Amino acid sequence: MTFNLTYTYKLQPNKKQIEIIDHNLAVCKSVWNHALYQRKLWYNSRKCDINKCSLISEYVVEPFEYPSYHIQSAELTQAKKTNPYLKSGNAQAMQQTLRKLDRAFNDMARLGMGFPRYKKRMKSFNLLSNKFEINGNYLKKNTLLF
């Protein structure tokens, strides 16, 4: 039997670390909003049958595949190669942001929850790692955190 442990720590970052965290939050917000835009575009373009849509009041876009987590994750990987803003953020945090959005869409469909919303400000991001060690009252990461 396998158990997953989750720890929550209160960080006390210095000024440089605060700037890095704020930048990562801004990048994750951009990733969330763009991925949500793609999914909303897909949903809005399929609200009605093609023979019943009004060109004035309905979305008519070029057909494209449903933007699932795997497709958006692959697009993010490609976009990071050309976009320095995305390249400057933490890759793992951005992937987890896409995973959270995918979970929000699954919950919307399965549990009847509301449609996910655009973010004005991200409050948190997730880092999954087993490279942390506890040293007294300090949490250390073996490699550079950000």
Protein backbone atom coordinates (compact mmCIF):
# COMPACT_ATOMS: atom_id res chain seq x y z
CA MET A 1 0.00 0.00 0.00
CA THR A 2 1.40 3.41 -1.00
CA PHE A 3 0.74 6.66 0.83
CA ASN A 4 1.26 10.16 -0.50
CA LEU A 5 2.25 12.74 2.06
CA THR A 6 1.52 16.41 1.59
CA TYR A 7 3.34 19.05 3.59
CA THR A 8 2.43 22.71 3.84
CA TYR A 9 5.15 25.17 4.81
CA LYS A 10 5.08 28.88 5.49
CA LEU A 11 7.94 30.38 3.52
CA GLN A 12 9.87 33.46 4.55
CA PRO A 13 11.50 34.49 1.27
CA ASN A 14 13.89 37.38 0.80
CA LYS A 15 13.22 40.21 -1.70
CA LYS A 16 14.81 38.44 -4.67
CA GLN A 17 12.86 35.24 -3.96
CA ILE A 18 9.62 37.28 -3.67
CA GLU A 19 10.26 38.75 -7.13
CA ILE A 20 10.84 35.26 -8.56
CA ILE A 21 7.69 33.88 -6.91
CA ASP A 22 5.61 36.84 -8.15
CA HIS A 23 7.00 36.34 -11.66
CA ASN A 24 6.11 32.62 -11.56
CA LEU A 25 2.60 33.49 -10.37
CA ALA A 26 2.22 35.95 -13.28
CA VAL A 27 3.44 33.35 -15.81
CA CYS A 28 1.07 30.72 -14.37
CA LYS A 29 -1.80 33.23 -14.59
CA SER A 30 -1.01 33.81 -18.27
CA VAL A 31 -0.89 30.06 -18.92
CA TRP A 32 -4.23 29.53 -17.12
CA ASN A 33 -5.97 32.37 -18.96
CA HIS A 34 -4.70 31.34 -22.39
CA ALA A 35 -5.60 27.67 -21.85
CA LEU A 36 -9.04 28.71 -20.59
CA TYR A 37 -9.48 30.95 -23.65
CA GLN A 38 -8.73 27.99 -25.95
CA ARG A 39 -11.25 25.78 -24.16
CA LYS A 40 -13.93 28.48 -24.10
CA LEU A 41 -13.41 29.06 -27.81
CA TRP A 42 -13.85 25.33 -28.43
CA TYR A 43 -17.03 25.15 -26.30
CA ASN A 44 -18.56 28.30 -27.79
CA SER A 45 -17.88 27.15 -31.34
CA ARG A 46 -19.88 23.96 -30.72
CA LYS A 47 -22.99 25.35 -29.04
CA CYS A 48 -25.26 24.76 -32.01
CA ASP A 49 -25.47 22.61 -35.12
CA ILE A 50 -23.64 24.02 -38.13
CA ASN A 51 -26.83 24.24 -40.18
CA LYS A 52 -28.66 26.17 -37.42
CA CYS A 53 -26.02 28.71 -36.39
CA SER A 54 -26.42 32.38 -37.01
CA LEU A 55 -23.27 33.94 -38.41
CA ILE A 56 -24.01 37.10 -36.43
CA SER A 57 -24.58 35.74 -32.94
CA GLU A 58 -22.63 32.45 -32.89
CA TYR A 59 -18.95 31.58 -33.00
CA VAL A 60 -17.87 30.17 -36.32
CA VAL A 61 -14.21 29.21 -36.20
CA GLU A 62 -11.94 26.87 -38.05
CA PRO A 63 -12.50 23.36 -36.67
CA PHE A 64 -9.86 22.24 -34.20
CA GLU A 65 -9.38 19.36 -31.80
CA TYR A 66 -10.59 19.62 -28.21
CA PRO A 67 -7.77 21.29 -26.22
CA SER A 68 -7.21 18.58 -23.61
CA TYR A 69 -4.45 18.67 -20.99
CA HIS A 70 -2.08 16.64 -23.18
CA ILE A 71 -2.57 18.84 -26.24
CA GLN A 72 -2.20 22.06 -24.26
CA SER A 73 0.85 20.68 -22.47
CA ALA A 74 2.51 19.88 -25.80
CA GLU A 75 1.63 23.37 -27.09
CA LEU A 76 3.12 24.91 -23.95
CA THR A 77 6.36 22.99 -24.51
CA GLN A 78 6.55 24.30 -28.07
CA ALA A 79 5.64 27.86 -27.04
CA LYS A 80 8.39 27.90 -24.41
CA LYS A 81 10.97 27.45 -27.17
CA THR A 82 10.00 30.72 -28.86
CA ASN A 83 8.54 32.83 -26.03
CA PRO A 84 11.10 34.18 -23.53
CA TYR A 85 8.34 35.13 -21.04
CA LEU A 86 7.18 31.52 -20.80
CA LYS A 87 10.74 30.26 -20.77
CA SER A 88 11.50 32.40 -17.70
CA GLY A 89 8.82 30.69 -15.59
CA ASN A 90 9.01 27.39 -13.73
CA ALA A 91 8.03 24.62 -16.15
CA GLN A 92 6.66 22.32 -13.46
CA ALA A 93 4.42 25.07 -12.04
CA MET A 94 3.02 25.80 -15.51
CA GLN A 95 2.30 22.10 -16.16
CA GLN A 96 0.53 21.86 -12.81
CA THR A 97 -1.52 24.95 -13.70
CA LEU A 98 -2.71 23.18 -16.85
CA ARG A 99 -3.50 20.09 -14.78
CA LYS A 100 -5.57 22.21 -12.34
CA LEU A 101 -7.52 23.70 -15.25
CA ASP A 102 -8.15 20.22 -16.65
CA ARG A 103 -9.39 19.09 -13.23
CA ALA A 104 -11.68 22.14 -13.07
CA PHE A 105 -13.21 21.21 -16.44
CA ASN A 106 -13.64 17.59 -15.38
CA ASP A 107 -15.34 18.69 -12.16
CA MET A 108 -17.59 21.02 -14.14
CA ALA A 109 -18.78 18.14 -16.33
CA ARG A 110 -18.87 15.42 -13.70
CA LEU A 111 -19.96 17.25 -10.56
CA GLY A 112 -22.00 20.04 -12.13
CA MET A 113 -19.70 22.78 -10.86
CA GLY A 114 -19.49 26.15 -12.56
CA PHE A 115 -17.41 27.08 -15.58
CA PRO A 116 -13.80 27.96 -14.64
CA ARG A 117 -13.04 31.67 -14.57
CA TYR A 118 -10.21 33.80 -15.81
CA LYS A 119 -7.67 34.70 -13.13
CA LYS A 120 -6.88 38.30 -12.28
CA ARG A 121 -4.19 37.09 -9.93
CA MET A 122 -2.86 33.64 -9.08
CA LYS A 123 -2.61 32.94 -5.38
CA SER A 124 -0.52 29.79 -5.52
CA PHE A 125 1.31 27.31 -7.69
CA ASN A 126 2.32 23.70 -7.10
CA LEU A 127 5.78 22.20 -7.16
CA LEU A 128 6.06 18.44 -7.05
CA SER A 129 9.45 17.29 -5.94
CA ASN A 130 11.19 14.77 -3.76
CA LYS A 131 14.37 16.85 -3.76
CA PHE A 132 13.52 18.79 -0.60
CA GLU A 133 15.22 18.15 2.70
CA ILE A 134 14.41 19.45 6.16
CA ASN A 135 17.37 20.92 7.97
CA GLY A 136 16.25 21.97 11.46
CA ASN A 137 13.71 24.74 10.94
CA TYR A 138 14.68 25.21 7.31
CA LEU A 139 13.40 23.63 4.12
CA LYS A 140 16.15 23.16 1.54
CA LYS A 141 15.98 22.09 -2.06
CA ASN A 142 18.99 20.32 -3.52
CA THR A 143 18.75 22.21 -6.80
CA LEU A 144 17.79 25.80 -7.55
CA LEU A 145 14.08 26.15 -6.67
CA PHE A 146 13.14 28.80 -9.19
